[in-house]
Amino acid sequence: MRLTHLGHACLLVETGGQRILIDPGVYSPGIVDVTGLDVIFVTHQHADHVDLQRLPTVLEANPQARLYAEPQAAAVMAAAGIGSEHTVAGEELSFGRVLVMPVGEKHALINEALPRIGNLGVVLRVEGEPSLFHPGDAYDGEPGQIDILAVPLNAPWTASRDTAAFAQRIAPKVSVPIHDALLNAVGRQLYLSQLKSFGPESMEVRDLADGVAVDFS
């Protein structure tokens, strides 16, 4: 498995002979340069996870790619003229050797004044390769045992104690920080240090902020 952090919540995952893009949002500048995609997943409708302006360009450059989205996100995309297939919690999808399980239900609470929307994280598994869980914007998903956890580092809906508790509950071998566009360099290092200090003792934190692909196989 090779992972490339394309900014904020967006990951390019190369595993099982497939190139999979997760959450190509407005804070992910490099998405329009990605080619050879097989699948694109959108965990929820917020703009930092799906860029409705640039996504058509991504699809034009990757005409073979299948686009999947959480149902409410799919409706928002459809209103913008972007067709997609729905992900459904607990209904596994397969792409070659890659098995993808959508998990979760609701976006984490931002504020009591805001209605909560749907959010479906995705678990990717390939026999003989590490497994990956990208939760989107929620900590409610139950992915089972996984090797690599994409950890939202900072957001209006979370605190560092919640991030650490999430990592403790999932207990991956490796965590990859994501959802970090709102942090400056000083704040980012603080959040990283707290994840390392208060997450599982055996968990390795691999920071992919430089945008270079890293092989985890």
N, C-alpha and C. Protein backbone atom coordinates (compact mmCIF):
# COMPACT_ATOMS: atom_id res chain seq x y z
N MET A 1 0.85 -1.20 0.00
CA MET A 1 0.00 0.00 0.00
C MET A 1 0.88 1.24 0.00
N ARG A 2 0.58 2.14 -0.93
CA ARG A 2 1.25 3.44 -0.99
C ARG A 2 0.23 4.53 -0.72
N LEU A 3 0.60 5.46 0.15
CA LEU A 3 -0.28 6.57 0.51
C LEU A 3 0.39 7.89 0.16
N THR A 4 -0.42 8.79 -0.39
CA THR A 4 0.02 10.15 -0.63
C THR A 4 -1.01 11.09 -0.03
N HIS A 5 -0.57 11.98 0.85
CA HIS A 5 -1.46 12.98 1.43
C HIS A 5 -1.48 14.18 0.49
N LEU A 6 -2.62 14.43 -0.13
CA LEU A 6 -2.75 15.51 -1.10
C LEU A 6 -3.27 16.81 -0.48
N GLY A 7 -3.25 16.87 0.82
CA GLY A 7 -3.69 18.06 1.52
C GLY A 7 -5.00 17.85 2.25
N HIS A 8 -5.05 18.32 3.49
CA HIS A 8 -6.22 18.26 4.35
C HIS A 8 -6.73 16.82 4.47
N ALA A 9 -7.95 16.54 4.01
CA ALA A 9 -8.54 15.21 4.23
C ALA A 9 -8.30 14.25 3.07
N CYS A 10 -7.61 14.69 2.04
CA CYS A 10 -7.51 13.90 0.81
C CYS A 10 -6.31 12.95 0.82
N LEU A 11 -6.59 11.68 0.56
CA LEU A 11 -5.55 10.68 0.43
C LEU A 11 -5.66 9.99 -0.93
N LEU A 12 -4.51 9.78 -1.56
CA LEU A 12 -4.42 8.89 -2.71
C LEU A 12 -3.89 7.57 -2.21
N VAL A 13 -4.66 6.51 -2.42
CA VAL A 13 -4.31 5.18 -1.93
C VAL A 13 -4.04 4.28 -3.13
N GLU A 14 -2.87 3.68 -3.17
CA GLU A 14 -2.51 2.72 -4.21
C GLU A 14 -2.34 1.37 -3.55
N THR A 15 -3.27 0.47 -3.81
CA THR A 15 -3.26 -0.83 -3.16
C THR A 15 -4.01 -1.84 -4.03
N GLY A 16 -3.55 -3.08 -4.02
CA GLY A 16 -4.22 -4.14 -4.77
C GLY A 16 -4.38 -3.84 -6.24
N GLY A 17 -3.45 -3.08 -6.83
CA GLY A 17 -3.53 -2.75 -8.24
C GLY A 17 -4.54 -1.66 -8.56
N GLN A 18 -5.08 -0.97 -7.54
CA GLN A 18 -6.07 0.09 -7.74
C GLN A 18 -5.52 1.42 -7.24
N ARG A 19 -5.94 2.49 -7.90
CA ARG A 19 -5.63 3.86 -7.45
C ARG A 19 -6.94 4.49 -6.98
N ILE A 20 -6.99 4.80 -5.69
CA ILE A 20 -8.23 5.22 -5.05
C ILE A 20 -8.01 6.59 -4.41
N LEU A 21 -8.90 7.53 -4.72
CA LEU A 21 -8.82 8.88 -4.16
C LEU A 21 -9.96 9.06 -3.15
N ILE A 22 -9.62 9.55 -1.96
CA ILE A 22 -10.61 9.74 -0.91
C ILE A 22 -10.68 11.22 -0.55
N ASP A 23 -11.87 11.79 -0.60
CA ASP A 23 -12.19 13.14 -0.15
C ASP A 23 -11.37 14.25 -0.84
N PRO A 24 -11.59 14.42 -2.14
CA PRO A 24 -10.90 15.50 -2.87
C PRO A 24 -11.59 16.85 -2.64
N GLY A 25 -11.17 17.56 -1.61
CA GLY A 25 -11.84 18.79 -1.21
C GLY A 25 -11.12 20.05 -1.62
N VAL A 26 -11.67 21.19 -1.19
CA VAL A 26 -11.17 22.49 -1.63
C VAL A 26 -9.81 22.83 -1.04
N TYR A 27 -9.41 22.18 0.04
CA TYR A 27 -8.10 22.44 0.64
C TYR A 27 -7.03 21.45 0.16
N SER A 28 -7.32 20.76 -0.91
CA SER A 28 -6.39 19.75 -1.45
C SER A 28 -5.96 20.18 -2.84
N PRO A 29 -4.91 20.98 -2.95
CA PRO A 29 -4.58 21.64 -4.22
C PRO A 29 -4.17 20.70 -5.35
N GLY A 30 -3.64 19.52 -5.03
CA GLY A 30 -3.09 18.69 -6.08
C GLY A 30 -4.04 17.73 -6.76
N ILE A 31 -5.33 17.79 -6.45
CA ILE A 31 -6.24 16.76 -6.95
C ILE A 31 -6.39 16.79 -8.47
N VAL A 32 -6.27 17.97 -9.09
CA VAL A 32 -6.49 18.05 -10.54
C VAL A 32 -5.33 17.44 -11.32
N ASP A 33 -4.24 17.14 -10.65
CA ASP A 33 -3.08 16.55 -11.33
C ASP A 33 -3.05 15.03 -11.24
N VAL A 34 -4.00 14.45 -10.53
CA VAL A 34 -4.01 13.00 -10.33
C VAL A 34 -4.67 12.31 -11.51
N THR A 35 -4.00 11.31 -12.06
CA THR A 35 -4.54 10.54 -13.18
C THR A 35 -4.46 9.05 -12.86
N GLY A 36 -5.06 8.25 -13.71
CA GLY A 36 -5.03 6.80 -13.53
C GLY A 36 -5.88 6.29 -12.40
N LEU A 37 -6.87 7.09 -11.98
CA LEU A 37 -7.71 6.68 -10.86
C LEU A 37 -8.70 5.60 -11.28
N ASP A 38 -8.95 4.68 -10.35
CA ASP A 38 -9.98 3.66 -10.55
C ASP A 38 -11.26 3.99 -9.79
N VAL A 39 -11.12 4.58 -8.60
CA VAL A 39 -12.27 4.86 -7.75
C VAL A 39 -12.04 6.17 -7.00
N ILE A 40 -13.12 6.90 -6.77
CA ILE A 40 -13.10 8.09 -5.92
C ILE A 40 -14.19 7.94 -4.87
N PHE A 41 -13.85 8.20 -3.61
CA PHE A 41 -14.82 8.15 -2.52
C PHE A 41 -14.98 9.51 -1.88
N VAL A 42 -16.23 9.87 -1.57
CA VAL A 42 -16.54 11.09 -0.85
C VAL A 42 -17.29 10.69 0.42
N THR A 43 -16.71 11.02 1.58
CA THR A 43 -17.31 10.58 2.84
C THR A 43 -18.51 11.41 3.27
N HIS A 44 -18.53 12.70 2.86
CA HIS A 44 -19.68 13.56 3.20
C HIS A 44 -19.62 14.83 2.36
N GLN A 45 -20.62 15.68 2.53
CA GLN A 45 -20.88 16.76 1.58
C GLN A 45 -20.09 18.04 1.81
N HIS A 46 -19.38 18.20 2.89
CA HIS A 46 -18.69 19.46 3.16
C HIS A 46 -17.60 19.74 2.12
N ALA A 47 -17.43 21.03 1.82
CA ALA A 47 -16.55 21.42 0.72
C ALA A 47 -15.10 21.03 0.95
N ASP A 48 -14.67 20.91 2.20
CA ASP A 48 -13.28 20.51 2.42
C ASP A 48 -13.07 19.02 2.16
N HIS A 49 -14.16 18.31 1.81
CA HIS A 49 -14.07 16.89 1.46
C HIS A 49 -14.51 16.61 0.02
N VAL A 50 -15.23 17.55 -0.57
CA VAL A 50 -15.60 17.41 -1.99
C VAL A 50 -15.66 18.80 -2.61
N ASP A 51 -14.80 19.03 -3.56
CA ASP A 51 -14.72 20.31 -4.27
C ASP A 51 -15.60 20.21 -5.51
N LEU A 52 -16.80 20.79 -5.43
CA LEU A 52 -17.75 20.68 -6.54
C LEU A 52 -17.28 21.42 -7.78
N GLN A 53 -16.39 22.38 -7.64
CA GLN A 53 -15.89 23.12 -8.79
C GLN A 53 -14.82 22.34 -9.55
N ARG A 54 -13.94 21.68 -8.82
CA ARG A 54 -12.82 20.99 -9.47
C ARG A 54 -13.06 19.50 -9.71
N LEU A 55 -14.03 18.91 -9.02
CA LEU A 55 -14.27 17.48 -9.20
C LEU A 55 -14.57 17.11 -10.65
N PRO A 56 -15.36 17.89 -11.40
CA PRO A 56 -15.57 17.55 -12.81
C PRO A 56 -14.26 17.48 -13.61
N THR A 57 -13.30 18.34 -13.28
CA THR A 57 -12.00 18.29 -13.95
C THR A 57 -11.27 16.99 -13.62
N VAL A 58 -11.36 16.59 -12.36
CA VAL A 58 -10.75 15.32 -11.94
C VAL A 58 -11.39 14.16 -12.71
N LEU A 59 -12.70 14.19 -12.84
CA LEU A 59 -13.40 13.11 -13.54
C LEU A 59 -13.08 13.11 -15.04
N GLU A 60 -12.91 14.27 -15.63
CA GLU A 60 -12.53 14.35 -17.04
C GLU A 60 -11.16 13.75 -17.28
N ALA A 61 -10.26 13.95 -16.33
CA ALA A 61 -8.91 13.40 -16.45
C ALA A 61 -8.85 11.92 -16.11
N ASN A 62 -9.93 11.41 -15.51
CA ASN A 62 -9.99 10.00 -15.09
C ASN A 62 -11.33 9.40 -15.51
N PRO A 63 -11.58 9.30 -16.82
CA PRO A 63 -12.91 8.87 -17.28
C PRO A 63 -13.29 7.46 -16.87
N GLN A 64 -12.31 6.65 -16.52
CA GLN A 64 -12.58 5.29 -16.10
C GLN A 64 -12.93 5.17 -14.62
N ALA A 65 -12.75 6.25 -13.86
CA ALA A 65 -12.95 6.20 -12.41
C ALA A 65 -14.42 6.13 -12.04
N ARG A 66 -14.74 5.29 -11.09
CA ARG A 66 -16.09 5.24 -10.53
C ARG A 66 -16.14 6.13 -9.30
N LEU A 67 -17.23 6.88 -9.16
CA LEU A 67 -17.38 7.85 -8.09
C LEU A 67 -18.45 7.37 -7.13
N TYR A 68 -18.07 7.27 -5.85
CA TYR A 68 -19.00 6.84 -4.80
C TYR A 68 -19.08 7.92 -3.73
N ALA A 69 -20.27 8.10 -3.17
CA ALA A 69 -20.45 9.12 -2.14
C ALA A 69 -21.52 8.71 -1.15
N GLU A 70 -21.36 9.18 0.07
CA GLU A 70 -22.41 9.06 1.09
C GLU A 70 -23.70 9.65 0.48
N PRO A 71 -24.87 9.05 0.72
CA PRO A 71 -26.09 9.43 0.00
C PRO A 71 -26.44 10.92 0.02
N GLN A 72 -26.34 11.59 1.16
CA GLN A 72 -26.64 13.01 1.18
C GLN A 72 -25.62 13.80 0.36
N ALA A 73 -24.37 13.39 0.42
CA ALA A 73 -23.35 14.03 -0.40
C ALA A 73 -23.64 13.80 -1.88
N ALA A 74 -24.09 12.59 -2.20
CA ALA A 74 -24.42 12.28 -3.59
C ALA A 74 -25.53 13.19 -4.11
N ALA A 75 -26.51 13.51 -3.24
CA ALA A 75 -27.60 14.39 -3.65
C ALA A 75 -27.10 15.80 -3.91
N VAL A 76 -26.20 16.29 -3.07
CA VAL A 76 -25.61 17.61 -3.28
C VAL A 76 -24.81 17.63 -4.58
N MET A 77 -24.08 16.58 -4.83
CA MET A 77 -23.29 16.48 -6.05
C MET A 77 -24.19 16.41 -7.27
N ALA A 78 -25.28 15.67 -7.17
CA ALA A 78 -26.21 15.56 -8.29
C ALA A 78 -26.80 16.92 -8.64
N ALA A 79 -27.10 17.73 -7.61
CA ALA A 79 -27.64 19.07 -7.85
C ALA A 79 -26.64 19.95 -8.59
N ALA A 80 -25.36 19.61 -8.46
CA ALA A 80 -24.31 20.34 -9.16
C ALA A 80 -23.96 19.69 -10.50
N GLY A 81 -24.74 18.66 -10.89
CA GLY A 81 -24.52 18.00 -12.17
C GLY A 81 -23.48 16.91 -12.15
N ILE A 82 -23.14 16.41 -10.96
CA ILE A 82 -22.12 15.37 -10.83
C ILE A 82 -22.80 14.09 -10.36
N GLY A 83 -22.85 13.10 -11.21
CA GLY A 83 -23.48 11.83 -10.86
C GLY A 83 -22.53 10.92 -10.10
N SER A 84 -23.08 10.14 -9.18
CA SER A 84 -22.26 9.23 -8.40
C SER A 84 -23.11 8.05 -7.93
N GLU A 85 -22.42 7.04 -7.44
CA GLU A 85 -23.08 5.89 -6.82
C GLU A 85 -23.02 6.06 -5.31
N HIS A 86 -24.00 5.47 -4.61
CA HIS A 86 -24.07 5.63 -3.16
C HIS A 86 -23.21 4.60 -2.44
N THR A 87 -22.59 5.03 -1.35
CA THR A 87 -22.08 4.08 -0.38
C THR A 87 -23.16 3.84 0.66
N VAL A 88 -23.18 2.63 1.19
CA VAL A 88 -24.17 2.25 2.20
C VAL A 88 -23.44 1.58 3.34
N ALA A 89 -23.69 2.02 4.56
CA ALA A 89 -23.02 1.45 5.72
C ALA A 89 -23.22 -0.05 5.77
N GLY A 90 -22.13 -0.79 5.89
CA GLY A 90 -22.19 -2.24 6.03
C GLY A 90 -22.30 -3.00 4.74
N GLU A 91 -22.41 -2.32 3.58
CA GLU A 91 -22.48 -3.00 2.29
C GLU A 91 -21.13 -2.91 1.58
N GLU A 92 -20.43 -4.03 1.55
CA GLU A 92 -19.07 -4.06 1.02
C GLU A 92 -19.04 -3.92 -0.49
N LEU A 93 -18.03 -3.21 -0.97
CA LEU A 93 -17.79 -3.03 -2.39
C LEU A 93 -16.45 -3.67 -2.73
N SER A 94 -16.30 -4.12 -3.98
CA SER A 94 -15.03 -4.71 -4.39
C SER A 94 -14.57 -4.09 -5.70
N PHE A 95 -13.27 -3.86 -5.77
CA PHE A 95 -12.63 -3.30 -6.95
C PHE A 95 -11.35 -4.10 -7.17
N GLY A 96 -11.41 -5.06 -8.08
CA GLY A 96 -10.29 -5.97 -8.21
C GLY A 96 -10.10 -6.72 -6.90
N ARG A 97 -8.89 -6.65 -6.36
CA ARG A 97 -8.58 -7.31 -5.08
C ARG A 97 -8.96 -6.47 -3.87
N VAL A 98 -9.38 -5.24 -4.09
CA VAL A 98 -9.64 -4.32 -2.97
C VAL A 98 -11.08 -4.45 -2.50
N LEU A 99 -11.24 -4.67 -1.21
CA LEU A 99 -12.56 -4.69 -0.58
C LEU A 99 -12.73 -3.41 0.22
N VAL A 100 -13.85 -2.72 0.02
CA VAL A 100 -14.11 -1.45 0.69
C VAL A 100 -15.41 -1.57 1.47
N MET A 101 -15.32 -1.29 2.78
CA MET A 101 -16.49 -1.33 3.64
C MET A 101 -16.81 0.08 4.15
N PRO A 102 -17.96 0.63 3.78
CA PRO A 102 -18.39 1.92 4.36
C PRO A 102 -18.86 1.71 5.80
N VAL A 103 -18.43 2.58 6.69
CA VAL A 103 -18.80 2.46 8.10
C VAL A 103 -19.14 3.83 8.67
N GLY A 104 -19.96 3.84 9.71
CA GLY A 104 -20.35 5.08 10.38
C GLY A 104 -21.78 5.45 10.07
N GLU A 105 -22.15 6.69 10.43
CA GLU A 105 -23.52 7.16 10.20
C GLU A 105 -23.58 8.68 10.07
N LYS A 106 -23.18 9.38 11.13
CA LYS A 106 -23.38 10.83 11.19
C LYS A 106 -22.05 11.57 11.31
N HIS A 107 -22.03 12.77 10.72
CA HIS A 107 -20.93 13.70 10.95
C HIS A 107 -20.87 14.03 12.43
N ALA A 108 -19.68 14.19 12.96
CA ALA A 108 -19.54 14.57 14.37
C ALA A 108 -20.23 15.91 14.63
N LEU A 109 -20.68 16.10 15.85
CA LEU A 109 -21.38 17.33 16.23
C LEU A 109 -20.44 18.53 16.15
N ILE A 110 -20.84 19.53 15.39
CA ILE A 110 -20.09 20.79 15.32
C ILE A 110 -20.65 21.78 16.34
N ASN A 111 -21.98 21.94 16.31
CA ASN A 111 -22.67 22.84 17.22
C ASN A 111 -24.13 22.43 17.27
N GLU A 112 -24.74 22.58 18.44
CA GLU A 112 -26.14 22.17 18.59
C GLU A 112 -27.07 22.94 17.64
N ALA A 113 -26.64 24.10 17.17
CA ALA A 113 -27.47 24.90 16.27
C ALA A 113 -27.44 24.39 14.83
N LEU A 114 -26.52 23.47 14.54
CA LEU A 114 -26.39 22.95 13.18
C LEU A 114 -26.94 21.53 13.09
N PRO A 115 -27.78 21.24 12.09
CA PRO A 115 -28.23 19.85 11.91
C PRO A 115 -27.07 18.97 11.50
N ARG A 116 -27.06 17.76 12.02
CA ARG A 116 -25.99 16.82 11.67
C ARG A 116 -26.31 16.16 10.33
N ILE A 117 -25.29 15.98 9.54
CA ILE A 117 -25.43 15.36 8.22
C ILE A 117 -24.84 13.96 8.24
N GLY A 118 -25.05 13.22 7.16
CA GLY A 118 -24.48 11.89 7.05
C GLY A 118 -22.98 11.91 6.82
N ASN A 119 -22.33 10.86 7.28
CA ASN A 119 -20.90 10.67 7.08
C ASN A 119 -20.61 9.19 7.05
N LEU A 120 -19.96 8.73 6.00
CA LEU A 120 -19.58 7.32 5.91
C LEU A 120 -18.09 7.23 5.62
N GLY A 121 -17.34 6.76 6.63
CA GLY A 121 -15.94 6.48 6.42
C GLY A 121 -15.77 5.23 5.57
N VAL A 122 -14.54 4.96 5.16
CA VAL A 122 -14.29 3.78 4.34
C VAL A 122 -13.09 3.00 4.89
N VAL A 123 -13.25 1.67 4.90
CA VAL A 123 -12.19 0.75 5.29
C VAL A 123 -11.75 0.00 4.05
N LEU A 124 -10.46 0.05 3.75
CA LEU A 124 -9.91 -0.63 2.58
C LEU A 124 -9.07 -1.81 3.02
N ARG A 125 -9.37 -2.98 2.43
CA ARG A 125 -8.62 -4.19 2.76
C ARG A 125 -8.21 -4.92 1.49
N VAL A 126 -6.98 -5.39 1.49
CA VAL A 126 -6.45 -6.23 0.41
C VAL A 126 -5.64 -7.34 1.07
N GLU A 127 -5.89 -8.57 0.69
CA GLU A 127 -5.15 -9.68 1.28
C GLU A 127 -3.65 -9.49 1.04
N GLY A 128 -2.89 -9.62 2.11
CA GLY A 128 -1.44 -9.50 2.00
C GLY A 128 -0.92 -8.08 2.09
N GLU A 129 -1.81 -7.08 2.24
CA GLU A 129 -1.39 -5.70 2.36
C GLU A 129 -2.02 -5.08 3.62
N PRO A 130 -1.47 -3.96 4.10
CA PRO A 130 -2.07 -3.31 5.27
C PRO A 130 -3.48 -2.82 4.97
N SER A 131 -4.31 -2.78 5.99
CA SER A 131 -5.66 -2.23 5.88
C SER A 131 -5.64 -0.76 6.29
N LEU A 132 -6.62 0.01 5.77
CA LEU A 132 -6.68 1.45 6.02
C LEU A 132 -8.10 1.86 6.37
N PHE A 133 -8.22 2.76 7.35
CA PHE A 133 -9.51 3.35 7.69
C PHE A 133 -9.42 4.85 7.57
N HIS A 134 -10.25 5.42 6.68
CA HIS A 134 -10.43 6.88 6.58
C HIS A 134 -11.81 7.19 7.13
N PRO A 135 -11.91 7.89 8.26
CA PRO A 135 -13.21 8.06 8.92
C PRO A 135 -14.05 9.22 8.42
N GLY A 136 -13.52 10.05 7.49
CA GLY A 136 -14.24 11.28 7.17
C GLY A 136 -14.23 12.19 8.38
N ASP A 137 -15.39 12.78 8.68
CA ASP A 137 -15.48 13.72 9.81
C ASP A 137 -16.31 13.12 10.94
N ALA A 138 -15.87 12.01 11.47
CA ALA A 138 -16.59 11.40 12.59
C ALA A 138 -15.71 10.36 13.25
N TYR A 139 -16.02 10.09 14.50
CA TYR A 139 -15.31 9.05 15.24
C TYR A 139 -16.26 7.90 15.61
N ASP A 140 -17.43 7.83 14.92
CA ASP A 140 -18.42 6.82 15.31
C ASP A 140 -18.24 5.49 14.59
N GLY A 141 -17.41 5.44 13.55
CA GLY A 141 -17.27 4.22 12.77
C GLY A 141 -16.59 3.10 13.54
N GLU A 142 -17.00 1.88 13.25
CA GLU A 142 -16.40 0.69 13.86
C GLU A 142 -15.75 -0.12 12.74
N PRO A 143 -14.47 0.10 12.46
CA PRO A 143 -13.83 -0.55 11.32
C PRO A 143 -13.31 -1.95 11.59
N GLY A 144 -13.32 -2.39 12.86
CA GLY A 144 -12.65 -3.63 13.18
C GLY A 144 -11.15 -3.40 13.28
N GLN A 145 -10.40 -4.48 13.29
CA GLN A 145 -8.95 -4.35 13.40
C GLN A 145 -8.36 -3.83 12.10
N ILE A 146 -7.59 -2.77 12.19
CA ILE A 146 -6.96 -2.20 11.00
C ILE A 146 -5.50 -1.88 11.31
N ASP A 147 -4.74 -1.69 10.23
CA ASP A 147 -3.31 -1.41 10.37
C ASP A 147 -3.01 0.08 10.35
N ILE A 148 -3.67 0.83 9.45
CA ILE A 148 -3.37 2.25 9.28
C ILE A 148 -4.64 3.06 9.49
N LEU A 149 -4.56 4.06 10.34
CA LEU A 149 -5.69 4.93 10.63
C LEU A 149 -5.38 6.34 10.15
N ALA A 150 -6.23 6.88 9.28
CA ALA A 150 -6.14 8.28 8.91
C ALA A 150 -6.82 9.09 10.01
N VAL A 151 -6.05 9.87 10.75
CA VAL A 151 -6.55 10.54 11.95
C VAL A 151 -6.81 12.02 11.67
N PRO A 152 -8.06 12.48 11.77
CA PRO A 152 -8.32 13.92 11.68
C PRO A 152 -7.63 14.65 12.83
N LEU A 153 -6.69 15.52 12.49
CA LEU A 153 -5.83 16.13 13.51
C LEU A 153 -6.49 17.33 14.18
N ASN A 154 -7.31 18.06 13.42
CA ASN A 154 -7.89 19.30 13.94
C ASN A 154 -9.15 19.62 13.17
N ALA A 155 -10.19 20.10 13.85
CA ALA A 155 -11.44 20.45 13.19
C ALA A 155 -12.33 21.20 14.17
N PRO A 156 -13.32 21.96 13.67
CA PRO A 156 -14.28 22.61 14.58
C PRO A 156 -15.10 21.61 15.40
N TRP A 157 -15.11 20.35 14.99
CA TRP A 157 -15.94 19.37 15.66
C TRP A 157 -15.18 18.48 16.64
N THR A 158 -13.91 18.72 16.83
CA THR A 158 -13.14 17.82 17.70
C THR A 158 -12.17 18.59 18.58
N ALA A 159 -11.59 17.88 19.54
CA ALA A 159 -10.54 18.39 20.40
C ALA A 159 -9.43 17.35 20.44
N SER A 160 -8.24 17.74 20.84
CA SER A 160 -7.12 16.81 20.81
C SER A 160 -7.37 15.60 21.70
N ARG A 161 -8.12 15.77 22.80
CA ARG A 161 -8.43 14.62 23.65
C ARG A 161 -9.32 13.61 22.91
N ASP A 162 -10.23 14.12 22.05
CA ASP A 162 -11.09 13.23 21.27
C ASP A 162 -10.26 12.47 20.22
N THR A 163 -9.31 13.19 19.61
CA THR A 163 -8.44 12.56 18.62
C THR A 163 -7.65 11.43 19.26
N ALA A 164 -7.07 11.70 20.42
CA ALA A 164 -6.29 10.67 21.11
C ALA A 164 -7.16 9.50 21.54
N ALA A 165 -8.37 9.78 22.03
CA ALA A 165 -9.27 8.71 22.45
C ALA A 165 -9.69 7.85 21.26
N PHE A 166 -9.91 8.49 20.11
CA PHE A 166 -10.24 7.75 18.89
C PHE A 166 -9.10 6.81 18.51
N ALA A 167 -7.89 7.33 18.52
CA ALA A 167 -6.74 6.49 18.20
C ALA A 167 -6.59 5.36 19.21
N GLN A 168 -6.84 5.64 20.48
CA GLN A 168 -6.77 4.60 21.50
C GLN A 168 -7.80 3.51 21.23
N ARG A 169 -9.01 3.91 20.85
CA ARG A 169 -10.07 2.92 20.61
C ARG A 169 -9.79 2.05 19.39
N ILE A 170 -9.32 2.66 18.31
CA ILE A 170 -9.06 1.90 17.09
C ILE A 170 -7.77 1.09 17.20
N ALA A 171 -6.78 1.65 17.89
CA ALA A 171 -5.50 0.98 18.16
C ALA A 171 -4.83 0.45 16.89
N PRO A 172 -4.54 1.32 15.93
CA PRO A 172 -3.86 0.87 14.72
C PRO A 172 -2.36 0.71 14.97
N LYS A 173 -1.68 0.08 14.02
CA LYS A 173 -0.22 0.02 14.10
C LYS A 173 0.38 1.39 13.75
N VAL A 174 -0.27 2.06 12.79
CA VAL A 174 0.24 3.33 12.29
C VAL A 174 -0.91 4.31 12.17
N SER A 175 -0.66 5.56 12.50
CA SER A 175 -1.64 6.61 12.21
C SER A 175 -1.02 7.61 11.24
N VAL A 176 -1.87 8.09 10.32
CA VAL A 176 -1.46 9.08 9.33
C VAL A 176 -2.31 10.33 9.58
N PRO A 177 -1.73 11.43 10.01
CA PRO A 177 -2.51 12.64 10.29
C PRO A 177 -3.11 13.23 9.01
N ILE A 178 -4.39 13.57 9.07
CA ILE A 178 -5.08 14.28 7.99
C ILE A 178 -5.90 15.41 8.62
N HIS A 179 -6.70 16.08 7.82
CA HIS A 179 -7.62 17.13 8.29
C HIS A 179 -6.85 18.18 9.09
N ASP A 180 -5.88 18.81 8.44
CA ASP A 180 -4.94 19.68 9.12
C ASP A 180 -4.80 21.07 8.49
N ALA A 181 -5.64 21.41 7.51
CA ALA A 181 -5.46 22.64 6.76
C ALA A 181 -5.69 23.90 7.59
N LEU A 182 -6.39 23.78 8.71
CA LEU A 182 -6.68 24.96 9.52
C LEU A 182 -5.57 25.27 10.52
N LEU A 183 -4.50 24.46 10.52
CA LEU A 183 -3.42 24.64 11.48
C LEU A 183 -2.22 25.32 10.84
N ASN A 184 -1.60 26.26 11.58
CA ASN A 184 -0.31 26.76 11.13
C ASN A 184 0.78 25.78 11.59
N ALA A 185 2.01 26.06 11.25
CA ALA A 185 3.09 25.11 11.53
C ALA A 185 3.26 24.85 13.02
N VAL A 186 3.14 25.90 13.83
CA VAL A 186 3.31 25.74 15.28
C VAL A 186 2.18 24.89 15.86
N GLY A 187 0.94 25.21 15.49
CA GLY A 187 -0.20 24.46 15.99
C GLY A 187 -0.18 23.01 15.55
N ARG A 188 0.27 22.80 14.32
CA ARG A 188 0.32 21.42 13.80
C ARG A 188 1.27 20.56 14.62
N GLN A 189 2.42 21.11 14.96
CA GLN A 189 3.37 20.35 15.77
C GLN A 189 2.82 20.05 17.15
N LEU A 190 2.04 20.98 17.71
CA LEU A 190 1.42 20.74 19.02
C LEU A 190 0.43 19.59 18.94
N TYR A 191 -0.44 19.62 17.93
CA TYR A 191 -1.42 18.54 17.79
C TYR A 191 -0.74 17.20 17.52
N LEU A 192 0.32 17.21 16.72
CA LEU A 192 1.05 15.97 16.47
C LEU A 192 1.67 15.43 17.76
N SER A 193 2.24 16.32 18.56
CA SER A 193 2.88 15.86 19.80
C SER A 193 1.86 15.27 20.76
N GLN A 194 0.65 15.83 20.78
CA GLN A 194 -0.38 15.28 21.66
C GLN A 194 -0.88 13.93 21.17
N LEU A 195 -0.99 13.76 19.84
CA LEU A 195 -1.37 12.47 19.30
C LEU A 195 -0.33 11.41 19.67
N LYS A 196 0.95 11.78 19.55
CA LYS A 196 2.02 10.84 19.89
C LYS A 196 2.04 10.53 21.38
N SER A 197 1.77 11.54 22.20
CA SER A 197 1.88 11.37 23.65
C SER A 197 0.68 10.63 24.24
N PHE A 198 -0.51 10.88 23.72
CA PHE A 198 -1.72 10.37 24.35
C PHE A 198 -2.43 9.28 23.54
N GLY A 199 -1.94 9.00 22.33
CA GLY A 199 -2.46 7.88 21.57
C GLY A 199 -1.89 6.57 22.09
N PRO A 200 -2.21 5.45 21.44
CA PRO A 200 -1.67 4.16 21.88
C PRO A 200 -0.14 4.17 21.91
N GLU A 201 0.42 3.60 22.94
CA GLU A 201 1.88 3.61 23.10
C GLU A 201 2.58 2.92 21.94
N SER A 202 1.96 1.88 21.40
CA SER A 202 2.59 1.10 20.33
C SER A 202 2.34 1.67 18.94
N MET A 203 1.55 2.75 18.84
CA MET A 203 1.19 3.30 17.53
C MET A 203 2.28 4.22 17.00
N GLU A 204 2.67 4.00 15.75
CA GLU A 204 3.62 4.89 15.08
C GLU A 204 2.84 5.99 14.36
N VAL A 205 3.27 7.23 14.50
CA VAL A 205 2.67 8.35 13.78
C VAL A 205 3.55 8.67 12.58
N ARG A 206 3.00 8.52 11.36
CA ARG A 206 3.74 8.81 10.13
C ARG A 206 3.13 10.05 9.49
N ASP A 207 3.88 11.12 9.49
CA ASP A 207 3.40 12.39 8.96
C ASP A 207 3.72 12.45 7.47
N LEU A 208 2.68 12.60 6.64
CA LEU A 208 2.83 12.63 5.19
C LEU A 208 2.60 14.02 4.63
N ALA A 209 2.81 15.04 5.45
CA ALA A 209 2.46 16.40 5.06
C ALA A 209 3.26 16.91 3.87
N ASP A 210 4.40 16.30 3.55
CA ASP A 210 5.21 16.76 2.42
C ASP A 210 4.66 16.34 1.07
N GLY A 211 3.59 15.52 1.08
CA GLY A 211 2.96 15.12 -0.17
C GLY A 211 3.71 14.05 -0.95
N VAL A 212 4.74 13.46 -0.37
CA VAL A 212 5.51 12.40 -1.00
C VAL A 212 4.86 11.05 -0.72
N ALA A 213 4.73 10.21 -1.74
CA ALA A 213 4.14 8.88 -1.57
C ALA A 213 5.00 8.03 -0.66
N VAL A 214 4.37 7.30 0.25
CA VAL A 214 5.07 6.44 1.19
C VAL A 214 4.52 5.03 1.06
N ASP A 215 5.42 4.06 0.99
CA ASP A 215 5.06 2.66 0.87
C ASP A 215 4.92 2.05 2.26
N PHE A 216 3.75 1.50 2.55
CA PHE A 216 3.49 0.86 3.84
C PHE A 216 3.42 -0.66 3.73
N SER A 217 3.66 -1.21 2.58
CA SER A 217 3.46 -2.66 2.38
C SER A 217 4.48 -3.48 3.15
